[in-house]
């Protein structure tokens, strides 16, 4: 990887509701934002709902498999 290569990243963090709009605006000024979405707080649901917990586990495994596939078969530039 060269220092001038464009890299796509995905990060998740918490921010106060009052700062959300300005944070999004600031990010869009300095980087090419591909996706910006609000993630619902599912902590309580995860703790109390076994079906939801299984869905989260399945999603995590599917994401892992997709990343492994991409890393193996995606042509390098």
PDB file of N, CA and C in Angstrom:
ATOM      1  N   UNK A   1       0.841  -1.170   0.000  1.00  0.00           N
ATOM      2  CA  UNK A   1       0.000   0.000   0.000  1.00  0.00           C
ATOM      3  C   UNK A   1       0.894   1.244   0.000  1.00  0.00           C
ATOM      4  N   UNK A   2       0.545   2.164  -0.876  1.00  0.00           N
ATOM      5  CA  UNK A   2       1.282   3.419  -0.977  1.00  0.00           C
ATOM      6  C   UNK A   2       0.604   4.488  -0.125  1.00  0.00           C
ATOM      7  N   UNK A   3       1.349   5.450   0.375  1.00  0.00           N
ATOM      8  CA  UNK A   3       0.761   6.517   1.194  1.00  0.00           C
ATOM      9  C   UNK A   3      -0.328   7.302   0.466  1.00  0.00           C
ATOM     10  N   UNK A   4      -0.312   7.303  -0.849  1.00  0.00           N
ATOM     11  CA  UNK A   4      -1.302   8.057  -1.620  1.00  0.00           C
ATOM     12  C   UNK A   4      -2.542   7.235  -1.978  1.00  0.00           C
ATOM     13  N   UNK A   5      -2.541   5.935  -1.653  1.00  0.00           N
ATOM     14  CA  UNK A   5      -3.709   5.086  -1.925  1.00  0.00           C
ATOM     15  C   UNK A   5      -4.917   5.556  -1.119  1.00  0.00           C
ATOM     16  N   UNK A   6      -6.098   5.509  -1.735  1.00  0.00           N
ATOM     17  CA  UNK A   6      -7.338   5.784  -1.011  1.00  0.00           C
ATOM     18  C   UNK A   6      -7.781   4.496  -0.330  1.00  0.00           C
ATOM     19  N   UNK A   7      -8.128   4.594   0.928  1.00  0.00           N
ATOM     20  CA  UNK A   7      -8.500   3.429   1.726  1.00  0.00           C
ATOM     21  C   UNK A   7      -9.913   3.638   2.262  1.00  0.00           C
ATOM     22  N   UNK A   8     -10.731   2.610   2.170  1.00  0.00           N
ATOM     23  CA  UNK A   8     -12.080   2.666   2.723  1.00  0.00           C
ATOM     24  C   UNK A   8     -12.046   2.082   4.121  1.00  0.00           C
ATOM     25  N   UNK A   9     -12.602   2.822   5.082  1.00  0.00           N
ATOM     26  CA  UNK A   9     -12.660   2.338   6.461  1.00  0.00           C
ATOM     27  C   UNK A   9     -14.105   2.382   6.953  1.00  0.00           C
ATOM     28  N   UNK A  10     -14.374   1.618   7.975  1.00  0.00           N
ATOM     29  CA  UNK A  10     -15.680   1.614   8.622  1.00  0.00           C
ATOM     30  C   UNK A  10     -15.419   1.694  10.114  1.00  0.00           C
ATOM     31  N   UNK A  11     -16.030   2.654  10.777  1.00  0.00           N
ATOM     32  CA  UNK A  11     -15.831   2.816  12.213  1.00  0.00           C
ATOM     33  C   UNK A  11     -17.163   3.111  12.884  1.00  0.00           C
ATOM     34  N   UNK A  12     -17.297   2.706  14.117  1.00  0.00           N
ATOM     35  CA  UNK A  12     -18.518   2.954  14.876  1.00  0.00           C
ATOM     36  C   UNK A  12     -18.134   3.611  16.196  1.00  0.00           C
ATOM     37  N   UNK A  13     -18.790   4.696  16.537  1.00  0.00           N
ATOM     38  CA  UNK A  13     -18.524   5.361  17.799  1.00  0.00           C
ATOM     39  C   UNK A  13     -19.781   6.064  18.281  1.00  0.00           C
ATOM     40  N   UNK A  14     -19.761   6.476  19.546  1.00  0.00           N
ATOM     41  CA  UNK A  14     -20.922   7.147  20.132  1.00  0.00           C
ATOM     42  C   UNK A  14     -20.667   8.649  20.181  1.00  0.00           C
ATOM     43  N   UNK A  15     -21.739   9.407  19.945  1.00  0.00           N
ATOM     44  CA  UNK A  15     -21.679  10.866  19.966  1.00  0.00           C
ATOM     45  C   UNK A  15     -23.000  11.368  20.536  1.00  0.00           C
ATOM     46  N   UNK A  16     -22.968  12.502  21.197  1.00  0.00           N
ATOM     47  CA  UNK A  16     -24.208  13.049  21.752  1.00  0.00           C
ATOM     48  C   UNK A  16     -25.133  13.489  20.617  1.00  0.00           C
ATOM     49  N   UNK A  17     -26.421  13.407  20.878  1.00  0.00           N
ATOM     50  CA  UNK A  17     -27.416  13.770  19.862  1.00  0.00           C
ATOM     51  C   UNK A  17     -27.243  15.215  19.407  1.00  0.00           C
ATOM     52  N   UNK A  18     -26.883  16.095  20.336  1.00  0.00           N
ATOM     53  CA  UNK A  18     -26.730  17.501  19.978  1.00  0.00           C
ATOM     54  C   UNK A  18     -25.539  17.751  19.051  1.00  0.00           C
ATOM     55  N   UNK A  19     -24.560  16.853  19.058  1.00  0.00           N
ATOM     56  CA  UNK A  19     -23.375  17.018  18.210  1.00  0.00           C
ATOM     57  C   UNK A  19     -23.458  16.252  16.889  1.00  0.00           C
ATOM     58  N   UNK A  20     -24.469  15.443  16.719  1.00  0.00           N
ATOM     59  CA  UNK A  20     -24.547  14.559  15.564  1.00  0.00           C
ATOM     60  C   UNK A  20     -24.529  15.302  14.232  1.00  0.00           C
ATOM     61  N   UNK A  21     -25.368  16.292  14.096  1.00  0.00           N
ATOM     62  CA  UNK A  21     -25.469  17.015  12.822  1.00  0.00           C
ATOM     63  C   UNK A  21     -24.152  17.702  12.462  1.00  0.00           C
ATOM     64  N   UNK A  22     -23.539  18.357  13.428  1.00  0.00           N
ATOM     65  CA  UNK A  22     -22.284  19.051  13.137  1.00  0.00           C
ATOM     66  C   UNK A  22     -21.150  18.063  12.872  1.00  0.00           C
ATOM     67  N   UNK A  23     -21.168  16.922  13.551  1.00  0.00           N
ATOM     68  CA  UNK A  23     -20.157  15.904  13.295  1.00  0.00           C
ATOM     69  C   UNK A  23     -20.260  15.411  11.853  1.00  0.00           C
ATOM     70  N   UNK A  24     -21.479  15.097  11.429  1.00  0.00           N
ATOM     71  CA  UNK A  24     -21.656  14.623  10.060  1.00  0.00           C
ATOM     72  C   UNK A  24     -21.184  15.680   9.068  1.00  0.00           C
ATOM     73  N   UNK A  25     -21.546  16.923   9.302  1.00  0.00           N
ATOM     74  CA  UNK A  25     -21.142  18.003   8.402  1.00  0.00           C
ATOM     75  C   UNK A  25     -19.621  18.105   8.333  1.00  0.00           C
ATOM     76  N   UNK A  26     -18.964  18.064   9.502  1.00  0.00           N
ATOM     77  CA  UNK A  26     -17.503  18.163   9.552  1.00  0.00           C
ATOM     78  C   UNK A  26     -16.842  17.008   8.791  1.00  0.00           C
ATOM     79  N   UNK A  27     -17.328  15.798   9.010  1.00  0.00           N
ATOM     80  CA  UNK A  27     -16.761  14.644   8.311  1.00  0.00           C
ATOM     81  C   UNK A  27     -16.890  14.789   6.805  1.00  0.00           C
ATOM     82  N   UNK A  28     -18.049  15.250   6.371  1.00  0.00           N
ATOM     83  CA  UNK A  28     -18.277  15.391   4.930  1.00  0.00           C
ATOM     84  C   UNK A  28     -17.390  16.473   4.304  1.00  0.00           C
ATOM     85  N   UNK A  29     -16.869  17.390   5.109  1.00  0.00           N
ATOM     86  CA  UNK A  29     -15.975  18.432   4.606  1.00  0.00           C
ATOM     87  C   UNK A  29     -14.560  17.912   4.348  1.00  0.00           C
ATOM     88  N   UNK A  30     -14.163  16.862   5.090  1.00  0.00           N
ATOM     89  CA  UNK A  30     -12.763  16.434   4.993  1.00  0.00           C
ATOM     90  C   UNK A  30     -12.553  15.061   4.365  1.00  0.00           C
ATOM     91  N   UNK A  31     -13.615  14.244   4.285  1.00  0.00           N
ATOM     92  CA  UNK A  31     -13.484  12.916   3.683  1.00  0.00           C
ATOM     93  C   UNK A  31     -14.683  12.629   2.799  1.00  0.00           C
ATOM     94  N   UNK A  32     -14.550  11.636   1.934  1.00  0.00           N
ATOM     95  CA  UNK A  32     -15.642  11.194   1.072  1.00  0.00           C
ATOM     96  C   UNK A  32     -16.489  10.201   1.867  1.00  0.00           C
ATOM     97  N   UNK A  33     -17.576  10.687   2.470  1.00  0.00           N
ATOM     98  CA  UNK A  33     -18.448   9.842   3.287  1.00  0.00           C
ATOM     99  C   UNK A  33     -19.303   8.980   2.362  1.00  0.00           C
ATOM    100  N   UNK A  34     -19.164   7.667   2.479  1.00  0.00           N
ATOM    101  CA  UNK A  34     -19.923   6.728   1.657  1.00  0.00           C
ATOM    102  C   UNK A  34     -21.259   6.399   2.323  1.00  0.00           C
ATOM    103  N   UNK A  35     -21.238   6.254   3.635  1.00  0.00           N
ATOM    104  CA  UNK A  35     -22.441   5.892   4.381  1.00  0.00           C
ATOM    105  C   UNK A  35     -22.369   6.524   5.762  1.00  0.00           C
ATOM    106  N   UNK A  36     -23.474   7.081   6.215  1.00  0.00           N
ATOM    107  CA  UNK A  36     -23.550   7.685   7.541  1.00  0.00           C
ATOM    108  C   UNK A  36     -24.933   7.359   8.074  1.00  0.00           C
ATOM    109  N   UNK A  37     -25.000   6.487   9.062  1.00  0.00           N
ATOM    110  CA  UNK A  37     -26.319   6.087   9.556  1.00  0.00           C
ATOM    111  C   UNK A  37     -26.334   5.967  11.066  1.00  0.00           C
ATOM    112  N   UNK A  38     -27.506   6.168  11.606  1.00  0.00           N
ATOM    113  CA  UNK A  38     -27.739   6.037  13.038  1.00  0.00           C
ATOM    114  C   UNK A  38     -27.975   4.566  13.352  1.00  0.00           C
ATOM    115  N   UNK A  39     -27.284   4.051  14.349  1.00  0.00           N
ATOM    116  CA  UNK A  39     -27.444   2.657  14.751  1.00  0.00           C
ATOM    117  C   UNK A  39     -28.260   2.629  16.040  1.00  0.00           C
ATOM    118  N   UNK A  40     -29.363   1.917  16.011  1.00  0.00           N
ATOM    119  CA  UNK A  40     -30.211   1.827  17.195  1.00  0.00           C
ATOM    120  C   UNK A  40     -29.490   1.114  18.335  1.00  0.00           C
ATOM    121  N   UNK A  41     -29.777   1.538  19.540  1.00  0.00           N
ATOM    122  CA  UNK A  41     -29.208   0.877  20.711  1.00  0.00           C
ATOM    123  C   UNK A  41     -29.947  -0.444  20.905  1.00  0.00           C
ATOM    124  N   UNK A  42     -29.228  -1.536  20.720  1.00  0.00           N
ATOM    125  CA  UNK A  42     -29.854  -2.863  20.820  1.00  0.00           C
ATOM    126  C   UNK A  42     -29.312  -3.663  22.004  1.00  0.00           C
ATOM    127  N   UNK A  43     -28.627  -2.993  22.941  1.00  0.00           N
ATOM    128  CA  UNK A  43     -28.032  -3.682  24.090  1.00  0.00           C
ATOM    129  C   UNK A  43     -29.076  -4.457  24.896  1.00  0.00           C
ATOM    130  N   UNK A  44     -30.192  -3.807  25.192  1.00  0.00           N
ATOM    131  CA  UNK A  44     -31.239  -4.455  25.987  1.00  0.00           C
ATOM    132  C   UNK A  44     -31.849  -5.629  25.226  1.00  0.00           C
ATOM    133  N   UNK A  45     -32.108  -5.420  23.947  1.00  0.00           N
ATOM    134  CA  UNK A  45     -32.670  -6.480  23.111  1.00  0.00           C
ATOM    135  C   UNK A  45     -31.723  -7.669  23.055  1.00  0.00           C
ATOM    136  N   UNK A  46     -30.432  -7.398  22.919  1.00  0.00           N
ATOM    137  CA  UNK A  46     -29.435  -8.467  22.854  1.00  0.00           C
ATOM    138  C   UNK A  46     -29.416  -9.278  24.150  1.00  0.00           C
ATOM    139  N   UNK A  47     -29.571  -8.582  25.278  1.00  0.00           N
ATOM    140  CA  UNK A  47     -29.538  -9.258  26.577  1.00  0.00           C
ATOM    141  C   UNK A  47     -30.796 -10.078  26.853  1.00  0.00           C
ATOM    142  N   UNK A  48     -31.917  -9.702  26.238  1.00  0.00           N
ATOM    143  CA  UNK A  48     -33.197 -10.325  26.595  1.00  0.00           C
ATOM    144  C   UNK A  48     -33.832 -11.190  25.513  1.00  0.00           C
ATOM    145  N   UNK A  49     -33.315 -11.155  24.295  1.00  0.00           N
ATOM    146  CA  UNK A  49     -33.971 -11.851  23.193  1.00  0.00           C
ATOM    147  C   UNK A  49     -33.002 -12.837  22.531  1.00  0.00           C
ATOM    148  N   UNK A  50     -33.221 -14.114  22.770  1.00  0.00           N
ATOM    149  CA  UNK A  50     -32.324 -15.139  22.224  1.00  0.00           C
ATOM    150  C   UNK A  50     -32.331 -15.185  20.698  1.00  0.00           C
ATOM    151  N   UNK A  51     -33.499 -14.938  20.083  1.00  0.00           N
ATOM    152  CA  UNK A  51     -33.567 -14.945  18.617  1.00  0.00           C
ATOM    153  C   UNK A  51     -32.705 -13.816  18.042  1.00  0.00           C
ATOM    154  N   UNK A  52     -32.787 -12.643  18.658  1.00  0.00           N
ATOM    155  CA  UNK A  52     -31.979 -11.517  18.199  1.00  0.00           C
ATOM    156  C   UNK A  52     -30.489 -11.819  18.366  1.00  0.00           C
ATOM    157  N   UNK A  53     -30.136 -12.432  19.475  1.00  0.00           N
ATOM    158  CA  UNK A  53     -28.743 -12.793  19.727  1.00  0.00           C
ATOM    159  C   UNK A  53     -28.224 -13.739  18.638  1.00  0.00           C
ATOM    160  N   UNK A  54     -29.067 -14.684  18.220  1.00  0.00           N
ATOM    161  CA  UNK A  54     -28.684 -15.608  17.149  1.00  0.00           C
ATOM    162  C   UNK A  54     -28.514 -14.867  15.820  1.00  0.00           C
ATOM    163  N   UNK A  55     -29.392 -13.891  15.563  1.00  0.00           N
ATOM    164  CA  UNK A  55     -29.284 -13.097  14.338  1.00  0.00           C
ATOM    165  C   UNK A  55     -27.981 -12.297  14.313  1.00  0.00           C
ATOM    166  N   UNK A  56     -27.637 -11.716  15.449  1.00  0.00           N
ATOM    167  CA  UNK A  56     -26.389 -10.941  15.544  1.00  0.00           C
ATOM    168  C   UNK A  56     -25.188 -11.849  15.302  1.00  0.00           C
ATOM    169  N   UNK A  57     -25.222 -13.024  15.877  1.00  0.00           N
ATOM    170  CA  UNK A  57     -24.132 -13.984  15.703  1.00  0.00           C
ATOM    171  C   UNK A  57     -24.013 -14.400  14.228  1.00  0.00           C
ATOM    172  N   UNK A  58     -25.167 -14.664  13.588  1.00  0.00           N
ATOM    173  CA  UNK A  58     -25.171 -15.062  12.177  1.00  0.00           C
ATOM    174  C   UNK A  58     -24.649 -13.928  11.295  1.00  0.00           C
ATOM    175  N   UNK A  59     -25.044 -12.708  11.601  1.00  0.00           N
ATOM    176  CA  UNK A  59     -24.577 -11.548  10.826  1.00  0.00           C
ATOM    177  C   UNK A  59     -23.066 -11.390  10.976  1.00  0.00           C
ATOM    178  N   UNK A  60     -22.572 -11.555  12.187  1.00  0.00           N
ATOM    179  CA  UNK A  60     -21.133 -11.438  12.439  1.00  0.00           C
ATOM    180  C   UNK A  60     -20.360 -12.492  11.649  1.00  0.00           C
ATOM    181  N   UNK A  61     -20.860 -13.716  11.655  1.00  0.00           N
ATOM    182  CA  UNK A  61     -20.202 -14.800  10.923  1.00  0.00           C
ATOM    183  C   UNK A  61     -20.252 -14.551   9.417  1.00  0.00           C
ATOM    184  N   UNK A  62     -21.398 -14.077   8.913  1.00  0.00           N
ATOM    185  CA  UNK A  62     -21.528 -13.788   7.481  1.00  0.00           C
ATOM    186  C   UNK A  62     -20.568 -12.667   7.071  1.00  0.00           C
ATOM    187  N   UNK A  63     -20.451 -11.646   7.894  1.00  0.00           N
ATOM    188  CA  UNK A  63     -19.530 -10.547   7.615  1.00  0.00           C
ATOM    189  C   UNK A  63     -18.095 -11.050   7.567  1.00  0.00           C
ATOM    190  N   UNK A  64     -17.745 -11.901   8.512  1.00  0.00           N
ATOM    191  CA  UNK A  64     -16.398 -12.474   8.548  1.00  0.00           C
ATOM    192  C   UNK A  64     -16.111 -13.279   7.275  1.00  0.00           C
ATOM    193  N   UNK A  65     -17.073 -14.105   6.863  1.00  0.00           N
ATOM    194  CA  UNK A  65     -16.909 -14.912   5.658  1.00  0.00           C
ATOM    195  C   UNK A  65     -16.777 -14.040   4.412  1.00  0.00           C
ATOM    196  N   UNK A  66     -17.554 -12.972   4.336  1.00  0.00           N
ATOM    197  CA  UNK A  66     -17.466 -12.045   3.199  1.00  0.00           C
ATOM    198  C   UNK A  66     -16.085 -11.385   3.150  1.00  0.00           C
ATOM    199  N   UNK A  67     -15.582 -10.956   4.305  1.00  0.00           N
ATOM    200  CA  UNK A  67     -14.270 -10.323   4.344  1.00  0.00           C
ATOM    201  C   UNK A  67     -13.171 -11.299   3.939  1.00  0.00           C
ATOM    202  N   UNK A  68     -13.263 -12.528   4.407  1.00  0.00           N
ATOM    203  CA  UNK A  68     -12.287 -13.547   4.013  1.00  0.00           C
ATOM    204  C   UNK A  68     -12.331 -13.789   2.506  1.00  0.00           C
ATOM    205  N   UNK A  69     -13.537 -13.856   1.947  1.00  0.00           N
ATOM    206  CA  UNK A  69     -13.705 -14.070   0.512  1.00  0.00           C
ATOM    207  C   UNK A  69     -13.101 -12.910  -0.284  1.00  0.00           C
ATOM    208  N   UNK A  70     -13.425 -11.697   0.136  1.00  0.00           N
ATOM    209  CA  UNK A  70     -12.895 -10.510  -0.553  1.00  0.00           C
ATOM    210  C   UNK A  70     -11.379 -10.512  -0.504  1.00  0.00           C
ATOM    211  N   UNK A  71     -10.815 -10.781   0.667  1.00  0.00           N
ATOM    212  CA  UNK A  71      -9.356 -10.773   0.805  1.00  0.00           C
ATOM    213  C   UNK A  71      -8.698 -11.852  -0.044  1.00  0.00           C
ATOM    214  N   UNK A  72      -9.396 -12.935  -0.271  1.00  0.00           N
ATOM    215  CA  UNK A  72      -8.823 -14.030  -1.048  1.00  0.00           C
ATOM    216  C   UNK A  72      -8.981 -13.830  -2.562  1.00  0.00           C
ATOM    217  N   UNK A  73     -10.147 -13.339  -2.979  1.00  0.00           N
ATOM    218  CA  UNK A  73     -10.453 -13.305  -4.418  1.00  0.00           C
ATOM    219  C   UNK A  73     -10.475 -11.921  -5.062  1.00  0.00           C
ATOM    220  N   UNK A  74     -10.460 -10.866  -4.278  1.00  0.00           N
ATOM    221  CA  UNK A  74     -10.497  -9.533  -4.866  1.00  0.00           C
ATOM    222  C   UNK A  74      -9.151  -9.235  -5.509  1.00  0.00           C
ATOM    223  N   UNK A  75      -9.151  -8.879  -6.803  1.00  0.00           N
ATOM    224  CA  UNK A  75      -7.867  -8.606  -7.468  1.00  0.00           C
ATOM    225  C   UNK A  75      -7.172  -7.403  -6.834  1.00  0.00           C
ATOM    226  N   UNK A  76      -5.914  -7.539  -6.628  1.00  0.00           N
ATOM    227  CA  UNK A  76      -5.116  -6.444  -6.076  1.00  0.00           C
ATOM    228  C   UNK A  76      -4.724  -5.494  -7.208  1.00  0.00           C
ATOM    229  N   UNK A  77      -4.732  -4.230  -6.913  1.00  0.00           N
ATOM    230  CA  UNK A  77      -4.359  -3.215  -7.934  1.00  0.00           C
ATOM    231  C   UNK A  77      -2.858  -3.073  -7.996  1.00  0.00           C
TER     232      UNK A  77
END
